[in-house]
Each structure stands twice: as C-alpha cells, then as structure tokens.
Amino acid sequence: MSLDFPLLNRRELIQTSLLAALGTGLSSSLAAESAALEISTFTVDATPPIGHPCCGGWITPIQVVDDRQLALGIILRGAGAPVVIIAVDWTGILNDSYFQLQKAVAEAVGTTPERVVPHCVHPHNAPFADGSAQKLLAAAPGTPPHTLDLEFFDKFVQNVATAAKASLAQSQPLTHVGVGQAKVDQVAANRRIKGPDGKLLNMRGSACKDEKLRAEPEGLIDPYLKTVSFWNGDRAVAALHYYACHPMSYYGDGHATPDFCGLAREKRRADDPQVMQMYFDGCGGNIAAGKYNDGSPAMRPILRDRIYDAMVAAWKATEKHPVTQYVWRSEPVNFPRRTEAAYTEATAREMLQDEKQSKPMRGRGAMILSWLSRSQRPINITCLELGPAKIVHLPGEPFIEYQLHAQQAKPKDFVCVAGYGDGGTWYIPTAAAYPEGGYEVSVAWCGPESEAMLHKAMEKVMAVS
C-alpha cells in the first residue's frame, strides 16, 4: 500500500474541481482557495430503551440489549458547505423523521439539509422511525400498534446534532482516499426464486430452513464488499464499507443488536479503535442471507465473520490516491405514487381506522399515509465524488439491479451504493418486478415508473455523459 502520494496544492484542487463542475453542468462543490479539505467523525449511542417497539411495532419489542446500536458519522469540510454522512443501526428512518434528523444536523454544523445523508443498516430488532405514522396511530381508535417513542427519537436527533457539532473541533486534514474491495464468501443470495419460465415461485428470506429453497442458485447479486477510506497522510481516519444484503441472521426475539453486519463492523473497529468504521447496506431490497443461513443462533457469528473477513481483505487490497477532486451532486426525484386501489389514501385511512384490522395492517395504513404526505416533496439522489470513488446515496430498499446499473454506468470508477436512506418509499423494485408480484412488490409505495426516473437521476449525479 503506497503511502507517499503528494497532496495537490489548493490552486490545483480548485482548478480540478472547477473543470469537473463545468464538464457536468450540475451543482458541484468547489474548494475555497483559503480552505483545505478536512474530515471529522462522531459516534452516538442509538440503543433504544427497554420496551421500545421493533420494526414498526410488528415484532417483539426490546427486552434485552445484547449489543449497542450506534449512529456513526463523518463530516467533510473545505469544498463548499459541509457534507455529513451517517449510518444508524436501525431498521429505517422515514419521511418527517428523516427531515427532522437532516435539519437538526444541518443547523448544528452549518450546512443545508440535503447535504446531510442518514442511512440505516436495517437490522430488524431495532426502531423503525416514522414520527408522522406514529402520530396518526396515536390518534386512531382502539388499540393500534405503538411504533416509535417520539420523546426518545427527539432526544436521539439532538444527541446526533450535538455530537456532529462537537466533532468539528477535532477535524483533521483529508489528504488521501483509499479504495479496495473483496469478495464475500457465502452470505448474499437473491431471495426472489424464479422458475425456468422466469415467473416468481417463492421467497427465500433472511433465514431459510427449507432445504430445497436453500439449494436454489444464488441468483443475481453483487458479491463484492467495497471499502472507501479517508486518510490524513499515512494515518487512516475512517473506513466506509458497502455491501448489498439484508443484514438479519434472526430476529423477533426482543434482543437489541445491529446483527451480523453491524457486529462485523464492531469487530473491525476493535482492530484499530482510532479508525472510524461505518457499514452501509447497498441495494439489498431483494437480497438476503437465506441460502446460507438457517436462522439458528450459531449462524450469527459465522455470518459476522464472513463480512469481517471481507472487510479485512478489502483493506489489504486498498490503493491510496491523493485527493484531486471533491464534488457533491444532488438531483431531486418526485417518485410516483402507486395507482392501485390498495395504495390509495382512502384505502390506507380505512385500514388505519378499522379496529378489526391486525396491528401490522393498521401500522401499514399509517405508513402509507405518511408516505403519501411526504411524497409531495422530492427525494434527493446524491453522489460524493472523491478521487476515484463515487458514492451514490439512494432511498428506501432498492433492488440489486440499481446497484449494478450504477457500476455499469461508470465501469472505470470505484462505484459504491448506499441504500436505506429516506425509508419512506419502502421497497423500490425494478419495473419488471411489479407484474411478478411477491412480498417486496406488495410493500413498495411508489410505482414502476420509478426505475426510469431513478436511473436518470443516478446517471446525472454520477456525471454519466
């Protein structure tokens, strides 16, 4: 691993960034001549209290804390307004709750909300934060599910904002970026099982005891874990890991944990506590570990170590590059609503108000209504371009095809994709998946036109000519 790349001087950095901006014609961040690039990191305990609902109140609430759940973040400064990237060990942060977190952090560090990009790791024994849905449920008749402790969430948001602001005093120079990848052994597999005719036959979830389903091929996946690292000279400051797979080994038992992907990250952090380690689930909407996971407790450390081994291998394969450009691009997308009767406001409101409905279905009605209100405002698709790395940030639970599309759009670049941003959309299938049906399609709140819109936005922020 080479450690002696020179950092371009500030004037060269400005010129390079300016050329990149002019070439794309898109909104880009340019370094001010008086500023050098800097990075800071922060950590917040996001573990919910005992009794807090998990996964939207549809499984057993927190009874025991096996492992802390964290919010981890980096802040990049010196090229326009600061950029904040956050990974939270929760199932999801949605709609107005997502805006609340963005706004609080932006105000704390002196940036704009669209430059704050929280993502969730997506374990299920964890909060699913949709404050608007919780308020609708609280006002509904009977005994609807409790999905979020609003006071706890408000405190969490303030803690993240406070930690982010405090971290600025500990900023370090950002001189180099590192990129490396490694193949993950026996974790991810496509969970939508199709027959020879291409029709959907079954679903192989995060855990699967059906030997016939487990014997089915892996299907379409991205087998690589990618790592982007940030350096101050010869010292690593942070490493961000990207891999596409639902991160659950087993859940529903009331034990708080970031599950095997978060645990792999923590094992990696123990190797060198001075280096911030962050994990991002890529486009894992139709990807899970069920082919290789029977759901037994013994499998959690095995899956953890397979992810950890790939993190170590990607680190060993890392190549460092001087920071020659720092560009941030953003493209708003108004995702289309679904038009079927089951997804209309009237149906969702009836579902919410009906005391005879199950708690999961009443919660679903509230979350659809929350999304329908939120969907009037666009979701920003963003990309951080730093040296050879392009990191694309997407909402919801996108299918793996979106990640592969991004990589194919820029085959010479080191392209990473983080899904599970604003979770308001829930799943984002491909257009071809809608007529196939299946679980993922049944809980996708935006329509099949989303694929073309998302492709266009991704290509814009990646500066695809």
Protein backbone atom coordinates (compact mmCIF):
# COMPACT_ATOMS: atom_id res chain seq x y z
CA MET A 1 0.00 0.00 0.00
CA SER A 2 1.67 3.21 -1.12
CA LEU A 3 1.76 5.99 1.45
CA ASP A 4 3.74 8.71 -0.32
CA PHE A 5 1.31 10.33 -2.74
CA PRO A 6 1.67 14.15 -2.66
CA LEU A 7 -1.44 16.23 -1.99
CA LEU A 8 -2.21 18.68 -4.78
CA ASN A 9 -1.89 22.28 -3.70
CA ARG A 10 -5.02 24.34 -3.16
CA ARG A 11 -4.94 26.13 -6.50
CA GLU A 12 -4.65 22.82 -8.37
CA LEU A 13 -7.54 21.46 -6.30
CA ILE A 14 -9.73 24.43 -7.21
CA GLN A 15 -8.88 24.11 -10.90
CA THR A 16 -9.57 20.37 -10.95
CA SER A 17 -12.91 20.76 -9.16
CA LEU A 18 -13.89 23.65 -11.45
CA LEU A 19 -13.18 21.60 -14.57
CA ALA A 20 -15.25 18.74 -13.15
CA ALA A 21 -18.14 21.10 -12.45
CA LEU A 22 -18.04 22.72 -15.88
CA GLY A 23 -17.88 19.34 -17.54
CA THR A 24 -21.03 18.07 -15.88
CA GLY A 25 -23.15 21.19 -15.80
CA LEU A 26 -24.51 20.04 -12.45
CA SER A 27 -24.46 21.53 -8.97
CA SER A 28 -20.98 20.83 -7.57
CA SER A 29 -18.97 21.76 -4.52
CA LEU A 30 -15.74 23.69 -5.14
CA ALA A 31 -13.00 24.19 -2.59
CA ALA A 32 -12.43 27.76 -1.49
CA GLU A 33 -8.85 28.87 -2.02
CA SER A 34 -8.42 29.63 1.67
CA ALA A 35 -9.65 26.21 2.81
CA ALA A 36 -8.12 22.75 2.89
CA LEU A 37 -10.17 19.57 2.95
CA GLU A 38 -10.96 18.29 6.43
CA ILE A 39 -12.75 15.34 7.99
CA SER A 40 -14.22 14.75 11.44
CA THR A 41 -16.04 11.75 12.91
CA PHE A 42 -18.65 11.22 15.62
CA THR A 43 -20.38 8.36 17.44
CA VAL A 44 -23.75 8.38 19.25
CA ASP A 45 -25.39 5.59 21.23
CA ALA A 46 -28.70 4.91 19.46
CA THR A 47 -29.76 1.92 21.58
CA PRO A 48 -33.50 2.17 22.33
CA PRO A 49 -34.87 1.78 25.86
CA ILE A 50 -36.32 -1.48 27.10
CA GLY A 51 -39.85 -1.85 25.79
CA HIS A 52 -39.29 0.18 22.64
CA PRO A 53 -41.07 -1.18 19.54
CA CYS A 54 -39.02 -3.01 16.91
CA CYS A 55 -39.51 -2.86 13.15
CA GLY A 56 -42.56 -0.63 13.33
CA GLY A 57 -44.18 -2.44 16.26
CA TRP A 58 -44.76 -5.67 14.36
CA ILE A 59 -42.36 -7.91 16.27
CA THR A 60 -41.41 -8.31 19.93
CA PRO A 61 -40.24 -5.01 21.48
CA ILE A 62 -36.82 -4.58 23.05
CA GLN A 63 -36.47 -6.79 26.14
CA VAL A 64 -32.70 -7.22 26.37
CA VAL A 65 -29.73 -5.30 24.94
CA ASP A 66 -27.25 -7.80 23.52
CA ASP A 67 -25.23 -5.20 21.61
CA ARG A 68 -25.35 -1.42 21.44
CA GLN A 69 -26.89 0.18 18.40
CA LEU A 70 -24.96 3.20 17.18
CA ALA A 71 -25.18 6.22 14.92
CA LEU A 72 -21.82 6.80 13.26
CA GLY A 73 -20.93 9.75 11.10
CA ILE A 74 -18.30 11.65 9.15
CA ILE A 75 -18.27 15.32 8.22
CA LEU A 76 -16.34 16.57 5.19
CA ARG A 77 -15.43 20.27 5.00
CA GLY A 78 -13.45 22.56 2.75
CA ALA A 79 -15.38 22.17 -0.50
CA GLY A 80 -18.50 24.28 -0.20
CA ALA A 81 -20.94 23.64 2.63
CA PRO A 82 -20.14 20.62 4.82
CA VAL A 83 -21.31 17.14 3.83
CA VAL A 84 -22.46 14.78 6.59
CA ILE A 85 -22.81 11.03 6.03
CA ILE A 86 -24.44 8.99 8.80
CA ALA A 87 -25.08 5.26 9.33
CA VAL A 88 -27.60 4.24 12.03
CA ASP A 89 -28.13 0.72 13.38
CA TRP A 90 -31.92 0.97 12.95
CA THR A 91 -34.45 -0.61 10.62
CA GLY A 92 -35.27 2.70 8.99
CA ILE A 93 -35.80 6.46 9.35
CA LEU A 94 -38.70 7.73 7.26
CA ASN A 95 -40.48 10.78 5.99
CA ASP A 96 -40.78 13.66 8.50
CA SER A 97 -38.45 11.87 10.93
CA TYR A 98 -35.79 11.79 8.21
CA PHE A 99 -36.30 15.52 7.59
CA GLN A 100 -36.10 16.20 11.32
CA LEU A 101 -32.70 14.50 11.58
CA GLN A 102 -31.36 16.19 8.44
CA LYS A 103 -32.48 19.64 9.59
CA ALA A 104 -31.09 19.34 13.12
CA VAL A 105 -27.67 18.15 11.95
CA ALA A 106 -27.52 20.72 9.16
CA GLU A 107 -28.20 23.56 11.59
CA ALA A 108 -25.61 22.20 14.01
CA VAL A 109 -22.74 22.06 11.50
CA GLY A 110 -23.63 24.94 9.21
CA THR A 111 -24.83 23.19 6.07
CA THR A 112 -28.09 22.55 4.20
CA PRO A 113 -30.37 19.55 4.93
CA GLU A 114 -29.85 17.95 1.50
CA ARG A 115 -26.14 17.65 2.30
CA VAL A 116 -26.91 15.52 5.36
CA VAL A 117 -27.47 11.90 4.29
CA PRO A 118 -28.51 9.46 7.03
CA HIS A 119 -28.69 5.78 6.12
CA CYS A 120 -29.80 2.76 8.13
CA VAL A 121 -28.02 -0.58 8.46
CA HIS A 122 -31.52 -2.20 8.58
CA PRO A 123 -31.44 -4.80 11.40
CA HIS A 124 -34.99 -5.63 12.47
CA ASN A 125 -34.58 -5.78 16.27
CA ALA A 126 -34.35 -2.01 16.15
CA PRO A 127 -36.50 1.14 15.77
CA PHE A 128 -38.34 1.97 12.56
CA ALA A 129 -38.69 5.73 12.95
CA ASP A 130 -41.69 7.32 11.25
CA GLY A 131 -42.95 10.06 13.56
CA SER A 132 -45.83 11.03 11.26
CA ALA A 133 -47.13 7.48 11.21
CA GLN A 134 -46.86 7.23 14.99
CA LYS A 135 -48.92 10.40 15.42
CA LEU A 136 -51.61 9.02 13.12
CA LEU A 137 -51.68 5.78 15.08
CA ALA A 138 -51.86 7.60 18.42
CA ALA A 139 -55.00 9.41 17.20
CA ALA A 140 -56.64 6.26 15.81
CA PRO A 141 -59.42 4.41 17.70
CA GLY A 142 -58.97 1.22 19.67
CA THR A 143 -55.52 -0.23 20.31
CA PRO A 144 -53.37 0.44 17.24
CA PRO A 145 -49.68 -0.50 17.37
CA HIS A 146 -47.13 1.73 19.04
CA THR A 147 -44.26 2.15 16.57
CA LEU A 148 -41.96 4.87 17.90
CA ASP A 149 -41.21 6.60 21.19
CA LEU A 150 -41.31 10.20 19.97
CA GLU A 151 -39.53 11.56 23.04
CA PHE A 152 -36.72 9.04 22.58
CA PHE A 153 -36.43 9.95 18.90
CA ASP A 154 -36.29 13.69 19.64
CA LYS A 155 -33.50 13.08 22.15
CA PHE A 156 -31.66 10.88 19.64
CA VAL A 157 -31.82 13.61 17.00
CA GLN A 158 -30.49 16.21 19.42
CA ASN A 159 -27.68 13.88 20.51
CA VAL A 160 -26.60 13.33 16.90
CA ALA A 161 -26.67 17.06 16.16
CA THR A 162 -24.68 17.84 19.31
CA ALA A 163 -22.07 15.16 18.57
CA ALA A 164 -21.73 16.28 14.97
CA LYS A 165 -21.13 19.88 16.01
CA ALA A 166 -18.64 18.89 18.71
CA SER A 167 -16.66 16.79 16.24
CA LEU A 168 -15.76 19.85 14.16
CA ALA A 169 -13.25 20.92 16.80
CA GLN A 170 -11.39 17.65 16.19
CA SER A 171 -11.25 17.93 12.38
CA GLN A 172 -8.21 16.50 10.62
CA PRO A 173 -6.77 17.20 7.17
CA LEU A 174 -8.14 14.94 4.44
CA THR A 175 -5.24 14.24 2.10
CA HIS A 176 -5.91 10.85 0.51
CA VAL A 177 -8.73 8.50 -0.30
CA GLY A 178 -8.32 4.72 -0.42
CA VAL A 179 -10.38 2.19 -2.38
CA GLY A 180 -10.41 -1.59 -2.06
CA GLN A 181 -12.80 -4.47 -2.48
CA ALA A 182 -13.08 -8.16 -1.66
CA LYS A 183 -15.50 -10.94 -2.47
CA VAL A 184 -17.79 -12.02 0.35
CA ASP A 185 -17.99 -15.77 0.84
CA GLN A 186 -21.45 -17.34 1.23
CA VAL A 187 -23.64 -14.54 2.57
CA ALA A 188 -25.80 -12.84 -0.07
CA ALA A 189 -28.29 -14.54 -2.37
CA ASN A 190 -31.29 -13.27 -4.31
CA ARG A 191 -34.39 -14.01 -2.31
CA ARG A 192 -36.86 -13.96 -5.21
CA ILE A 193 -36.82 -17.53 -6.52
CA LYS A 194 -37.99 -17.90 -10.12
CA GLY A 195 -38.80 -20.94 -12.20
CA PRO A 196 -37.50 -21.84 -15.68
CA ASP A 197 -40.22 -19.68 -17.21
CA GLY A 198 -38.99 -16.64 -15.29
CA LYS A 199 -42.08 -16.48 -13.08
CA LEU A 200 -41.76 -15.92 -9.34
CA LEU A 201 -42.09 -19.17 -7.40
CA ASN A 202 -41.18 -18.35 -3.84
CA MET A 203 -39.22 -16.10 -1.49
CA ARG A 204 -36.04 -17.14 0.32
CA GLY A 205 -35.77 -14.73 3.24
CA SER A 206 -33.05 -13.68 5.63
CA ALA A 207 -33.25 -17.11 7.23
CA CYS A 208 -34.50 -20.22 5.45
CA LYS A 209 -34.97 -23.74 6.79
CA ASP A 210 -36.37 -25.14 3.52
CA GLU A 211 -33.51 -27.18 2.07
CA LYS A 212 -34.99 -27.06 -1.44
CA LEU A 213 -35.08 -23.27 -1.41
CA ARG A 214 -31.59 -23.09 0.03
CA ALA A 215 -30.38 -25.35 -2.77
CA GLU A 216 -31.54 -22.87 -5.39
CA PRO A 217 -28.73 -20.82 -7.05
CA GLU A 218 -27.54 -17.54 -5.57
CA GLY A 219 -29.21 -15.65 -8.38
CA LEU A 220 -28.32 -12.07 -9.25
CA ILE A 221 -26.19 -10.41 -6.54
CA ASP A 222 -23.18 -8.15 -6.18
CA PRO A 223 -20.65 -10.43 -4.45
CA TYR A 224 -18.19 -7.68 -3.53
CA LEU A 225 -17.80 -5.63 -0.37
CA LYS A 226 -16.29 -2.26 -1.24
CA THR A 227 -14.35 -0.05 1.17
CA VAL A 228 -13.62 3.66 0.80
CA SER A 229 -11.14 5.02 3.33
CA PHE A 230 -10.25 8.58 4.28
CA TRP A 231 -6.67 9.43 5.25
CA ASN A 232 -4.66 12.14 6.93
CA GLY A 233 -1.24 11.43 5.42
CA ASP A 234 -0.27 7.91 6.43
CA ARG A 235 -2.98 7.63 9.09
CA ALA A 236 -6.45 6.30 8.31
CA VAL A 237 -9.28 8.34 9.80
CA ALA A 238 -12.35 6.44 8.59
CA ALA A 239 -13.34 3.41 6.51
CA LEU A 240 -16.78 3.12 4.91
CA HIS A 241 -17.90 -0.36 3.85
CA TYR A 242 -20.63 -1.11 1.30
CA TYR A 243 -22.30 -4.49 0.68
CA ALA A 244 -25.76 -5.39 -0.56
CA CYS A 245 -27.65 -7.82 1.66
CA HIS A 246 -30.43 -7.76 4.23
CA PRO A 247 -28.37 -7.87 7.45
CA MET A 248 -30.56 -10.14 9.59
CA SER A 249 -29.48 -13.57 10.83
CA TYR A 250 -32.54 -13.96 13.08
CA TYR A 251 -34.86 -11.51 14.80
CA GLY A 252 -38.16 -11.06 16.61
CA ASP A 253 -36.82 -12.17 20.00
CA GLY A 254 -36.62 -8.72 21.59
CA HIS A 255 -32.81 -8.65 21.74
CA ALA A 256 -31.36 -5.32 20.58
CA THR A 257 -28.44 -5.80 18.19
CA PRO A 258 -27.06 -4.37 14.94
CA ASP A 259 -26.98 -8.03 13.79
CA PHE A 260 -24.20 -9.64 11.83
CA CYS A 261 -23.20 -6.75 9.56
CA GLY A 262 -23.06 -4.26 12.41
CA LEU A 263 -21.23 -6.80 14.56
CA ALA A 264 -18.66 -7.30 11.79
CA ARG A 265 -18.13 -3.56 11.75
CA GLU A 266 -17.61 -3.52 15.52
CA LYS A 267 -15.14 -6.40 15.31
CA ARG A 268 -13.26 -4.40 12.68
CA ARG A 269 -13.34 -1.30 14.91
CA ALA A 270 -11.68 -3.33 17.66
CA ASP A 271 -8.68 -3.91 15.37
CA ASP A 272 -7.85 -0.19 15.49
CA PRO A 273 -10.21 1.92 17.64
CA GLN A 274 -8.73 5.13 16.20
CA VAL A 275 -10.27 4.42 12.76
CA MET A 276 -13.97 5.10 12.36
CA GLN A 277 -15.63 2.08 10.75
CA MET A 278 -19.04 2.53 9.09
CA TYR A 279 -21.20 -0.04 7.31
CA PHE A 280 -23.82 0.68 4.63
CA ASP A 281 -26.32 -1.75 3.17
CA GLY A 282 -26.30 -1.32 -0.59
CA CYS A 283 -29.23 -2.17 -2.85
CA GLY A 284 -30.26 -5.13 -0.73
CA GLY A 285 -34.01 -4.99 -1.26
CA ASN A 286 -34.18 -8.36 -2.98
CA ILE A 287 -31.03 -9.80 -1.39
CA ALA A 288 -30.75 -11.80 1.85
CA ALA A 289 -28.67 -14.49 3.55
CA GLY A 290 -31.31 -17.24 3.46
CA LYS A 291 -29.40 -19.53 1.12
CA TYR A 292 -26.59 -19.78 3.66
CA ASN A 293 -28.50 -19.14 6.89
CA ASP A 294 -30.94 -21.48 8.63
CA GLY A 295 -31.75 -18.88 11.28
CA SER A 296 -30.05 -20.68 14.16
CA PRO A 297 -28.20 -18.54 16.74
CA ALA A 298 -24.96 -20.32 15.81
CA MET A 299 -25.07 -18.75 12.35
CA ARG A 300 -24.85 -15.13 13.52
CA PRO A 301 -21.12 -15.18 14.41
CA ILE A 302 -20.40 -17.21 11.27
CA LEU A 303 -22.08 -14.61 9.05
CA ARG A 304 -20.43 -11.83 11.05
CA ASP A 305 -17.00 -13.30 10.41
CA ARG A 306 -17.65 -13.71 6.69
CA ILE A 307 -18.38 -9.98 6.46
CA TYR A 308 -15.46 -9.15 8.74
CA ASP A 309 -13.07 -11.26 6.64
CA ALA A 310 -14.15 -9.35 3.53
CA MET A 311 -13.60 -6.04 5.33
CA VAL A 312 -10.07 -7.10 6.24
CA ALA A 313 -9.38 -8.34 2.71
CA ALA A 314 -10.73 -5.13 1.15
CA TRP A 315 -8.47 -3.15 3.49
CA LYS A 316 -5.43 -5.17 2.45
CA ALA A 317 -6.33 -4.56 -1.20
CA THR A 318 -6.73 -0.81 -0.68
CA GLU A 319 -4.94 1.58 -3.02
CA LYS A 320 -4.44 5.17 -1.87
CA HIS A 321 -4.88 8.20 -4.07
CA PRO A 322 -4.31 11.88 -3.39
CA VAL A 323 -7.49 13.89 -3.16
CA THR A 324 -7.63 15.65 -6.51
CA GLN A 325 -11.32 16.49 -6.56
CA TYR A 326 -14.20 16.70 -4.17
CA VAL A 327 -17.58 17.04 -5.83
CA TRP A 328 -21.07 16.73 -4.39
CA ARG A 329 -24.02 16.39 -6.76
CA SER A 330 -27.70 16.22 -6.00
CA GLU A 331 -30.75 15.51 -8.14
CA PRO A 332 -34.36 15.73 -6.82
CA VAL A 333 -36.81 12.96 -7.74
CA ASN A 334 -40.56 13.01 -7.20
CA PHE A 335 -41.28 9.32 -7.00
CA PRO A 336 -44.68 8.39 -8.48
CA ARG A 337 -47.40 7.03 -6.24
CA ARG A 338 -48.93 3.65 -6.93
CA THR A 339 -52.33 3.86 -8.54
CA GLU A 340 -53.81 0.51 -7.46
CA ALA A 341 -56.74 0.70 -5.05
CA ALA A 342 -54.76 -0.94 -2.23
CA TYR A 343 -52.36 2.02 -2.09
CA THR A 344 -54.74 4.96 -2.23
CA GLU A 345 -55.26 7.42 0.61
CA ALA A 346 -58.83 6.24 1.12
CA THR A 347 -57.81 2.60 1.50
CA ALA A 348 -54.91 3.42 3.79
CA ARG A 349 -57.10 5.60 6.02
CA GLU A 350 -59.75 2.88 6.22
CA MET A 351 -57.05 0.36 7.15
CA LEU A 352 -55.75 2.64 9.89
CA GLN A 353 -59.18 3.35 11.41
CA ASP A 354 -60.53 -0.21 11.30
CA GLU A 355 -60.24 -1.67 14.81
CA LYS A 356 -60.79 -5.17 13.39
CA GLN A 357 -57.62 -4.99 11.34
CA SER A 358 -54.43 -6.57 12.68
CA LYS A 359 -51.86 -4.25 14.24
CA PRO A 360 -49.41 -4.75 11.33
CA MET A 361 -52.10 -3.77 8.82
CA ARG A 362 -53.09 -0.69 10.81
CA GLY A 363 -49.44 0.28 11.00
CA ARG A 364 -49.15 -0.25 7.27
CA GLY A 365 -52.07 2.11 6.69
CA ALA A 366 -50.39 4.80 8.80
CA MET A 367 -47.09 4.45 6.96
CA ILE A 368 -48.76 4.64 3.56
CA LEU A 369 -50.50 7.84 4.65
CA SER A 370 -47.20 9.21 5.95
CA TRP A 371 -45.58 8.45 2.61
CA LEU A 372 -48.43 9.98 0.59
CA SER A 373 -47.98 13.20 2.52
CA ARG A 374 -44.19 13.11 2.26
CA SER A 375 -44.17 12.24 -1.46
CA GLN A 376 -45.30 15.75 -2.32
CA ARG A 377 -41.67 16.76 -1.70
CA PRO A 378 -38.82 15.28 -3.76
CA ILE A 379 -36.19 12.90 -2.50
CA ASN A 380 -32.64 13.96 -3.34
CA ILE A 381 -30.42 11.40 -5.04
CA THR A 382 -26.83 12.36 -4.25
CA CYS A 383 -23.29 11.37 -5.11
CA LEU A 384 -19.99 12.12 -3.41
CA GLU A 385 -17.08 12.02 -5.85
CA LEU A 386 -13.75 11.90 -4.08
CA GLY A 387 -10.74 10.83 -6.12
CA PRO A 388 -11.57 7.55 -7.92
CA ALA A 389 -14.53 6.86 -5.61
CA LYS A 390 -18.14 7.65 -6.45
CA ILE A 391 -20.56 7.04 -3.57
CA VAL A 392 -24.23 7.11 -4.58
CA HIS A 393 -26.90 7.58 -1.89
CA LEU A 394 -30.36 6.12 -2.51
CA PRO A 395 -33.61 5.98 -0.54
CA GLY A 396 -35.69 3.03 0.55
CA GLU A 397 -34.90 -0.60 -0.15
CA PRO A 398 -33.72 -0.63 -3.78
CA PHE A 399 -33.31 -3.87 -5.72
CA ILE A 400 -29.77 -5.04 -6.54
CA GLU A 401 -30.30 -4.14 -10.19
CA TYR A 402 -29.93 -0.43 -9.29
CA GLN A 403 -26.51 -1.00 -7.76
CA LEU A 404 -25.34 -2.97 -10.77
CA HIS A 405 -26.71 -0.27 -13.08
CA ALA A 406 -24.67 2.38 -11.26
CA GLN A 407 -21.50 0.32 -11.56
CA GLN A 408 -22.09 -0.38 -15.24
CA ALA A 409 -22.74 3.31 -15.90
CA LYS A 410 -19.20 4.17 -14.73
CA PRO A 411 -17.20 0.95 -15.23
CA LYS A 412 -13.80 2.62 -14.82
CA ASP A 413 -14.68 4.20 -11.47
CA PHE A 414 -14.90 2.72 -7.99
CA VAL A 415 -18.67 2.94 -7.53
CA CYS A 416 -20.29 2.30 -4.15
CA VAL A 417 -24.02 2.49 -3.49
CA ALA A 418 -25.72 3.06 -0.14
CA GLY A 419 -29.41 2.21 0.06
CA TYR A 420 -31.75 2.64 3.03
CA GLY A 421 -31.67 6.43 3.08
CA ASP A 422 -35.09 8.06 3.48
CA GLY A 423 -37.13 4.90 4.01
CA GLY A 424 -40.47 6.46 3.11
CA THR A 425 -40.67 4.63 -0.21
CA TRP A 426 -40.21 1.23 1.43
CA TYR A 427 -39.10 -1.13 -1.40
CA ILE A 428 -38.03 0.16 -4.81
CA PRO A 429 -38.38 -2.80 -7.20
CA THR A 430 -37.49 -2.78 -10.86
CA ALA A 431 -40.31 -2.11 -13.31
CA ALA A 432 -40.21 -5.76 -14.42
CA ALA A 433 -40.80 -6.96 -10.85
CA TYR A 434 -44.23 -5.35 -10.42
CA PRO A 435 -46.17 -7.81 -12.60
CA GLU A 436 -44.25 -10.68 -10.95
CA GLY A 437 -45.68 -9.77 -7.55
CA GLY A 438 -44.16 -11.09 -4.35
CA TYR A 439 -43.64 -9.60 -0.89
CA GLU A 440 -41.30 -6.80 -1.95
CA VAL A 441 -43.73 -5.51 -4.58
CA SER A 442 -46.63 -5.65 -2.12
CA VAL A 443 -44.85 -3.18 0.18
CA ALA A 444 -43.46 -0.80 -2.44
CA TRP A 445 -45.22 2.55 -2.10
CA CYS A 446 -44.01 4.06 -5.40
CA GLY A 447 -44.89 2.90 -8.89
CA PRO A 448 -43.00 1.05 -11.64
CA GLU A 449 -42.11 4.35 -13.35
CA SER A 450 -39.60 4.79 -10.52
CA GLU A 451 -36.96 2.70 -12.30
CA ALA A 452 -36.51 5.03 -15.27
CA MET A 453 -36.61 8.09 -13.00
CA LEU A 454 -34.05 6.66 -10.61
CA HIS A 455 -31.73 5.57 -13.44
CA LYS A 456 -31.82 9.07 -14.89
CA ALA A 457 -31.10 10.71 -11.54
CA MET A 458 -28.26 8.31 -10.73
CA GLU A 459 -26.63 8.95 -14.08
CA LYS A 460 -26.90 12.70 -13.57
CA VAL A 461 -25.26 12.73 -10.16
CA MET A 462 -22.58 10.34 -11.37
CA ALA A 463 -21.88 12.65 -14.33
CA VAL A 464 -22.53 9.96 -16.92
CA SER A 465 -22.07 11.59 -20.31
